[in-house]
N, C-alpha and C. Protein backbone atom coordinates (compact mmCIF):
# COMPACT_ATOMS: atom_id res chain seq x y z
N GLN A 1 30.54 90.70 -40.43
CA GLN A 1 31.22 89.58 -39.76
C GLN A 1 32.71 89.79 -39.87
N VAL A 2 33.41 89.69 -38.73
CA VAL A 2 34.86 89.86 -38.69
C VAL A 2 35.48 88.62 -38.06
N GLN A 3 36.59 88.20 -38.60
CA GLN A 3 37.34 87.08 -38.03
C GLN A 3 38.80 87.45 -37.87
N LEU A 4 39.41 86.90 -36.81
CA LEU A 4 40.85 86.95 -36.66
C LEU A 4 41.36 85.53 -36.77
N VAL A 5 42.27 85.31 -37.70
CA VAL A 5 42.83 83.98 -37.89
C VAL A 5 44.33 84.06 -37.68
N SER A 6 44.82 83.25 -36.75
CA SER A 6 46.25 83.28 -36.44
C SER A 6 46.92 81.98 -36.84
N SER A 7 48.21 82.07 -37.05
CA SER A 7 49.02 80.91 -37.41
C SER A 7 50.44 81.16 -36.95
N GLY A 8 51.26 80.10 -37.01
CA GLY A 8 52.67 80.30 -36.73
C GLY A 8 53.15 79.81 -35.38
N GLY A 9 52.31 79.09 -34.66
CA GLY A 9 52.79 78.46 -33.43
C GLY A 9 53.60 77.23 -33.77
N GLY A 10 53.98 76.48 -32.72
CA GLY A 10 54.72 75.25 -32.97
C GLY A 10 55.63 74.87 -31.83
N LEU A 11 56.48 73.89 -32.11
CA LEU A 11 57.45 73.38 -31.14
C LEU A 11 58.83 73.83 -31.55
N VAL A 12 59.59 74.38 -30.61
CA VAL A 12 60.92 74.88 -30.90
C VAL A 12 61.82 74.64 -29.70
N GLN A 13 63.10 74.49 -29.94
CA GLN A 13 64.05 74.33 -28.84
C GLN A 13 64.36 75.68 -28.20
N ALA A 14 64.77 75.66 -26.96
CA ALA A 14 65.18 76.87 -26.28
C ALA A 14 66.25 77.59 -27.10
N GLY A 15 66.10 78.91 -27.19
CA GLY A 15 67.01 79.70 -28.00
C GLY A 15 66.54 79.91 -29.42
N GLY A 16 65.51 79.20 -29.82
CA GLY A 16 64.99 79.30 -31.17
C GLY A 16 64.04 80.47 -31.34
N SER A 17 63.43 80.53 -32.54
CA SER A 17 62.55 81.64 -32.91
C SER A 17 61.27 81.12 -33.55
N LEU A 18 60.22 81.90 -33.38
CA LEU A 18 58.95 81.69 -34.07
C LEU A 18 58.37 83.05 -34.42
N ARG A 19 57.47 83.07 -35.41
CA ARG A 19 56.85 84.32 -35.82
C ARG A 19 55.37 84.11 -36.09
N PRO A 20 54.55 84.09 -35.03
CA PRO A 20 53.11 83.99 -35.26
C PRO A 20 52.58 85.20 -36.03
N THR A 21 51.51 84.94 -36.79
CA THR A 21 50.85 85.95 -37.59
C THR A 21 49.35 85.89 -37.31
N CYS A 22 48.70 87.05 -37.35
CA CYS A 22 47.26 87.11 -37.11
C CYS A 22 46.65 88.10 -38.08
N ALA A 23 45.69 87.65 -38.87
CA ALA A 23 45.08 88.48 -39.89
C ALA A 23 43.58 88.64 -39.64
N ALA A 24 43.12 89.87 -39.75
CA ALA A 24 41.70 90.17 -39.62
C ALA A 24 41.07 90.26 -40.99
N SER A 25 39.84 89.77 -41.09
CA SER A 25 39.12 89.84 -42.36
C SER A 25 37.64 90.06 -42.08
N GLY A 26 36.93 90.57 -43.11
CA GLY A 26 35.51 90.83 -42.97
C GLY A 26 35.18 92.27 -43.28
N THR A 27 34.05 92.75 -42.73
CA THR A 27 33.58 94.11 -43.01
C THR A 27 34.28 95.10 -42.08
N ILE A 28 35.55 95.36 -42.39
CA ILE A 28 36.41 96.17 -41.53
C ILE A 28 36.49 97.59 -42.06
N PHE A 29 36.18 98.56 -41.19
CA PHE A 29 36.39 99.96 -41.55
C PHE A 29 37.81 100.38 -41.14
N SER A 30 38.20 100.00 -39.92
CA SER A 30 39.54 100.34 -39.44
C SER A 30 39.96 99.36 -38.35
N THR A 31 41.20 98.90 -38.45
CA THR A 31 41.76 98.06 -37.39
C THR A 31 42.63 98.95 -36.52
N ASN A 32 42.31 99.05 -35.25
CA ASN A 32 42.99 99.97 -34.35
C ASN A 32 44.03 99.22 -33.53
N ALA A 33 43.97 99.26 -32.22
CA ALA A 33 44.98 98.58 -31.41
C ALA A 33 44.93 97.07 -31.66
N MET A 34 46.13 96.47 -31.72
CA MET A 34 46.25 95.02 -31.88
C MET A 34 47.23 94.52 -30.82
N ALA A 35 47.07 93.28 -30.42
CA ALA A 35 47.90 92.79 -29.32
C ALA A 35 48.01 91.27 -29.36
N TRP A 36 49.01 90.78 -28.63
CA TRP A 36 49.18 89.35 -28.39
C TRP A 36 49.12 89.11 -26.89
N TYR A 37 48.40 88.07 -26.52
CA TYR A 37 48.32 87.60 -25.14
C TYR A 37 48.79 86.15 -25.12
N ARG A 38 49.08 85.66 -23.93
CA ARG A 38 49.39 84.24 -23.81
C ARG A 38 48.82 83.70 -22.51
N GLN A 39 48.54 82.40 -22.54
CA GLN A 39 47.97 81.74 -21.38
C GLN A 39 48.64 80.39 -21.21
N ALA A 40 49.37 80.24 -20.12
CA ALA A 40 49.99 78.96 -19.79
C ALA A 40 49.01 78.11 -19.00
N PRO A 41 49.18 76.81 -18.96
CA PRO A 41 48.25 75.94 -18.22
C PRO A 41 48.12 76.36 -16.77
N GLY A 42 46.89 76.52 -16.31
CA GLY A 42 46.64 76.86 -14.93
C GLY A 42 46.88 78.32 -14.57
N LYS A 43 47.15 79.14 -15.58
CA LYS A 43 47.45 80.55 -15.32
C LYS A 43 46.47 81.44 -16.07
N GLN A 44 46.44 82.71 -15.70
CA GLN A 44 45.56 83.65 -16.38
C GLN A 44 46.18 84.07 -17.72
N ARG A 45 45.34 84.65 -18.56
CA ARG A 45 45.81 85.16 -19.84
C ARG A 45 46.45 86.52 -19.61
N ASP A 46 47.70 86.67 -20.05
CA ASP A 46 48.46 87.89 -19.82
C ASP A 46 48.85 88.56 -21.12
N LEU A 47 48.96 89.88 -21.07
CA LEU A 47 49.41 90.64 -22.23
C LEU A 47 50.89 90.36 -22.48
N VAL A 48 51.22 90.12 -23.74
CA VAL A 48 52.61 89.95 -24.15
C VAL A 48 53.13 91.22 -24.81
N ALA A 49 52.36 91.73 -25.77
CA ALA A 49 52.78 92.93 -26.50
C ALA A 49 51.56 93.54 -27.17
N ALA A 50 51.61 94.85 -27.35
CA ALA A 50 50.51 95.56 -28.00
C ALA A 50 51.09 96.63 -28.91
N ILE A 51 50.29 96.99 -29.93
CA ILE A 51 50.74 98.00 -30.89
C ILE A 51 49.53 98.80 -31.34
N THR A 52 49.70 100.13 -31.38
CA THR A 52 48.64 100.99 -31.86
C THR A 52 48.66 101.05 -33.39
N ARG A 53 47.63 101.64 -33.96
CA ARG A 53 47.62 101.77 -35.41
C ARG A 53 48.81 102.59 -35.91
N GLY A 54 49.22 103.56 -35.10
CA GLY A 54 50.35 104.41 -35.48
C GLY A 54 51.71 103.77 -35.23
N GLY A 55 51.73 102.61 -34.58
CA GLY A 55 52.99 101.89 -34.41
C GLY A 55 53.62 101.98 -33.03
N SER A 56 52.97 102.63 -32.09
CA SER A 56 53.50 102.66 -30.74
C SER A 56 53.31 101.29 -30.10
N THR A 57 54.34 100.85 -29.37
CA THR A 57 54.32 99.49 -28.82
C THR A 57 54.54 99.49 -27.31
N ASN A 58 54.10 98.42 -26.68
CA ASN A 58 54.49 98.16 -25.30
C ASN A 58 54.56 96.65 -25.11
N TYR A 59 55.42 96.25 -24.17
CA TYR A 59 55.74 94.84 -23.97
C TYR A 59 55.69 94.47 -22.50
N ALA A 60 55.38 93.22 -22.24
CA ALA A 60 55.57 92.67 -20.91
C ALA A 60 57.06 92.65 -20.59
N ASP A 61 57.40 92.89 -19.34
CA ASP A 61 58.82 92.93 -18.96
C ASP A 61 59.53 91.63 -19.32
N SER A 62 58.83 90.52 -19.23
CA SER A 62 59.46 89.21 -19.44
C SER A 62 59.88 88.97 -20.89
N VAL A 63 59.37 89.76 -21.82
CA VAL A 63 59.71 89.53 -23.23
C VAL A 63 60.47 90.68 -23.86
N LYS A 64 60.68 91.75 -23.12
CA LYS A 64 61.39 92.90 -23.68
C LYS A 64 62.79 92.50 -24.14
N GLY A 65 63.13 92.96 -25.34
CA GLY A 65 64.43 92.64 -25.89
C GLY A 65 64.47 91.31 -26.64
N ARG A 66 63.43 90.50 -26.50
CA ARG A 66 63.38 89.21 -27.20
C ARG A 66 62.25 89.15 -28.23
N PHE A 67 61.13 89.78 -27.94
CA PHE A 67 59.96 89.74 -28.82
C PHE A 67 59.78 91.11 -29.47
N THR A 68 59.29 91.11 -30.70
CA THR A 68 58.97 92.34 -31.41
C THR A 68 57.60 92.21 -32.06
N ILE A 69 56.70 93.14 -31.73
CA ILE A 69 55.39 93.18 -32.37
C ILE A 69 55.43 94.18 -33.51
N SER A 70 54.77 93.83 -34.61
CA SER A 70 54.69 94.74 -35.75
C SER A 70 53.36 94.49 -36.46
N ARG A 71 53.02 95.36 -37.40
CA ARG A 71 51.75 95.23 -38.08
C ARG A 71 51.83 95.77 -39.49
N ASP A 72 50.90 95.33 -40.30
CA ASP A 72 50.72 95.83 -41.65
C ASP A 72 49.28 96.31 -41.74
N ASN A 73 49.08 97.62 -41.70
CA ASN A 73 47.72 98.15 -41.67
C ASN A 73 46.95 97.84 -42.96
N ALA A 74 47.63 97.81 -44.07
CA ALA A 74 46.96 97.53 -45.34
C ALA A 74 46.41 96.11 -45.38
N LYS A 75 47.06 95.21 -44.63
CA LYS A 75 46.64 93.80 -44.61
C LYS A 75 45.88 93.44 -43.34
N ASN A 76 45.67 94.42 -42.45
CA ASN A 76 45.00 94.15 -41.17
C ASN A 76 45.64 92.97 -40.45
N THR A 77 46.94 92.99 -40.42
CA THR A 77 47.70 91.85 -39.90
C THR A 77 48.69 92.31 -38.83
N VAL A 78 48.84 91.48 -37.81
CA VAL A 78 49.82 91.74 -36.75
C VAL A 78 50.74 90.53 -36.65
N TYR A 79 51.99 90.81 -36.34
CA TYR A 79 53.02 89.78 -36.24
C TYR A 79 53.67 89.84 -34.86
N LEU A 80 54.23 88.71 -34.46
CA LEU A 80 55.01 88.68 -33.22
C LEU A 80 56.28 87.89 -33.48
N GLN A 81 57.38 88.61 -33.65
CA GLN A 81 58.67 87.94 -33.82
C GLN A 81 59.20 87.57 -32.45
N MET A 82 59.36 86.28 -32.22
CA MET A 82 59.80 85.78 -30.91
C MET A 82 61.18 85.15 -31.08
N ASN A 83 62.18 85.76 -30.46
CA ASN A 83 63.54 85.26 -30.51
C ASN A 83 64.00 84.82 -29.12
N SER A 84 65.07 84.07 -29.08
CA SER A 84 65.64 83.61 -27.80
C SER A 84 64.57 83.02 -26.91
N LEU A 85 63.78 82.14 -27.48
CA LEU A 85 62.67 81.56 -26.73
C LEU A 85 63.16 80.72 -25.56
N GLU A 86 62.38 80.76 -24.50
CA GLU A 86 62.69 80.05 -23.26
C GLU A 86 61.54 79.11 -22.93
N PRO A 87 61.80 78.05 -22.18
CA PRO A 87 60.69 77.14 -21.80
C PRO A 87 59.54 77.87 -21.10
N GLU A 88 59.86 78.95 -20.39
CA GLU A 88 58.83 79.73 -19.71
C GLU A 88 57.90 80.45 -20.69
N ASP A 89 58.25 80.51 -21.95
CA ASP A 89 57.40 81.12 -22.97
C ASP A 89 56.33 80.15 -23.47
N THR A 90 56.38 78.91 -23.04
CA THR A 90 55.39 77.92 -23.47
C THR A 90 54.00 78.33 -23.02
N ALA A 91 53.08 78.42 -23.97
CA ALA A 91 51.71 78.87 -23.69
C ALA A 91 50.90 78.81 -24.97
N VAL A 92 49.60 79.03 -24.84
CA VAL A 92 48.76 79.30 -26.01
C VAL A 92 48.78 80.80 -26.23
N TYR A 93 49.10 81.20 -27.43
CA TYR A 93 49.19 82.62 -27.78
C TYR A 93 47.94 83.04 -28.54
N TYR A 94 47.33 84.14 -28.06
CA TYR A 94 46.12 84.66 -28.67
C TYR A 94 46.37 86.08 -29.17
N CYS A 95 45.87 86.38 -30.36
CA CYS A 95 45.89 87.76 -30.82
C CYS A 95 44.53 88.39 -30.56
N ASN A 96 44.53 89.71 -30.43
CA ASN A 96 43.26 90.42 -30.45
C ASN A 96 43.40 91.73 -31.18
N ALA A 97 42.27 92.31 -31.54
CA ALA A 97 42.26 93.56 -32.27
C ALA A 97 40.98 94.31 -31.98
N ASP A 98 41.12 95.62 -31.85
CA ASP A 98 39.96 96.50 -31.72
C ASP A 98 39.63 97.00 -33.12
N ILE A 99 38.45 96.62 -33.60
CA ILE A 99 38.10 96.84 -35.00
C ILE A 99 36.79 97.61 -35.12
N ALA A 100 36.85 98.69 -35.91
CA ALA A 100 35.63 99.40 -36.27
C ALA A 100 35.04 98.70 -37.49
N VAL A 101 33.79 98.32 -37.38
CA VAL A 101 33.17 97.54 -38.46
C VAL A 101 32.17 98.39 -39.24
N GLY A 102 31.89 97.93 -40.44
CA GLY A 102 30.92 98.63 -41.27
C GLY A 102 31.55 99.78 -42.03
N THR A 103 30.93 100.98 -41.90
CA THR A 103 31.35 102.11 -42.74
C THR A 103 31.78 103.32 -41.94
N SER A 104 32.00 103.16 -40.62
CA SER A 104 32.44 104.30 -39.81
C SER A 104 33.09 103.78 -38.53
N TYR A 105 33.55 104.73 -37.69
CA TYR A 105 34.16 104.38 -36.42
C TYR A 105 33.11 104.13 -35.32
N GLN A 106 31.83 104.28 -35.67
CA GLN A 106 30.80 104.23 -34.63
C GLN A 106 30.71 102.91 -33.89
N ARG A 107 30.91 101.82 -34.61
CA ARG A 107 30.81 100.52 -33.97
C ARG A 107 32.20 99.88 -33.93
N GLN A 108 32.75 99.78 -32.73
CA GLN A 108 34.08 99.18 -32.56
C GLN A 108 33.97 98.06 -31.53
N TYR A 109 34.56 96.94 -31.87
CA TYR A 109 34.52 95.77 -31.00
C TYR A 109 35.91 95.16 -30.89
N ARG A 110 36.10 94.37 -29.83
CA ARG A 110 37.35 93.63 -29.67
C ARG A 110 37.13 92.19 -30.12
N TYR A 111 38.00 91.74 -30.99
CA TYR A 111 37.94 90.38 -31.51
C TYR A 111 39.17 89.61 -31.08
N TRP A 112 38.99 88.28 -30.94
CA TRP A 112 40.08 87.41 -30.54
C TRP A 112 40.33 86.34 -31.61
N GLY A 113 41.60 86.00 -31.78
CA GLY A 113 41.95 84.86 -32.62
C GLY A 113 41.72 83.57 -31.86
N GLN A 114 41.92 82.46 -32.58
CA GLN A 114 41.58 81.16 -32.02
C GLN A 114 42.64 80.59 -31.08
N GLY A 115 43.82 81.17 -31.10
CA GLY A 115 44.91 80.69 -30.23
C GLY A 115 45.80 79.68 -30.93
N ASN A 116 47.09 79.78 -30.66
CA ASN A 116 48.08 78.85 -31.23
C ASN A 116 49.03 78.40 -30.13
N GLN A 117 49.26 77.11 -30.08
CA GLN A 117 50.17 76.58 -29.06
C GLN A 117 51.62 76.86 -29.45
N VAL A 118 52.37 77.39 -28.50
CA VAL A 118 53.82 77.55 -28.64
C VAL A 118 54.45 76.73 -27.51
N THR A 119 55.30 75.80 -27.89
CA THR A 119 55.98 74.95 -26.91
C THR A 119 57.48 75.08 -27.11
N VAL A 120 58.18 75.43 -26.03
CA VAL A 120 59.63 75.59 -26.07
C VAL A 120 60.25 74.51 -25.20
N SER A 121 61.04 73.67 -25.83
CA SER A 121 61.68 72.57 -25.09
C SER A 121 63.06 72.99 -24.61
N SER A 122 63.45 72.45 -23.47
CA SER A 122 64.76 72.81 -22.90
C SER A 122 65.86 71.87 -23.39
């Protein structure tokens, strides 16, 4: 059994910062790619940022230069440092991770966190 538990959402004024965190726990052999997505009301869920186990990253154009994704492999945790927040960043933020479970790489699944509301006021 594997779980992703995220925290760190909230309400912030435009120009402020937040740092959501997402930690995986359970029978984990290896945590591979990890990512953050967001979904605004009435819109589809979109990729915000992703990071490989080796640390390679990619970002949505709308957050480049403002958001930074990072991870701690020993803790199976991914972070999203969000600076210079804008009202357009308001959404539910979801983490996900591709995780090999058990005792080898043979079984790998994608898991999702429960989502955290981020609201940016103008």
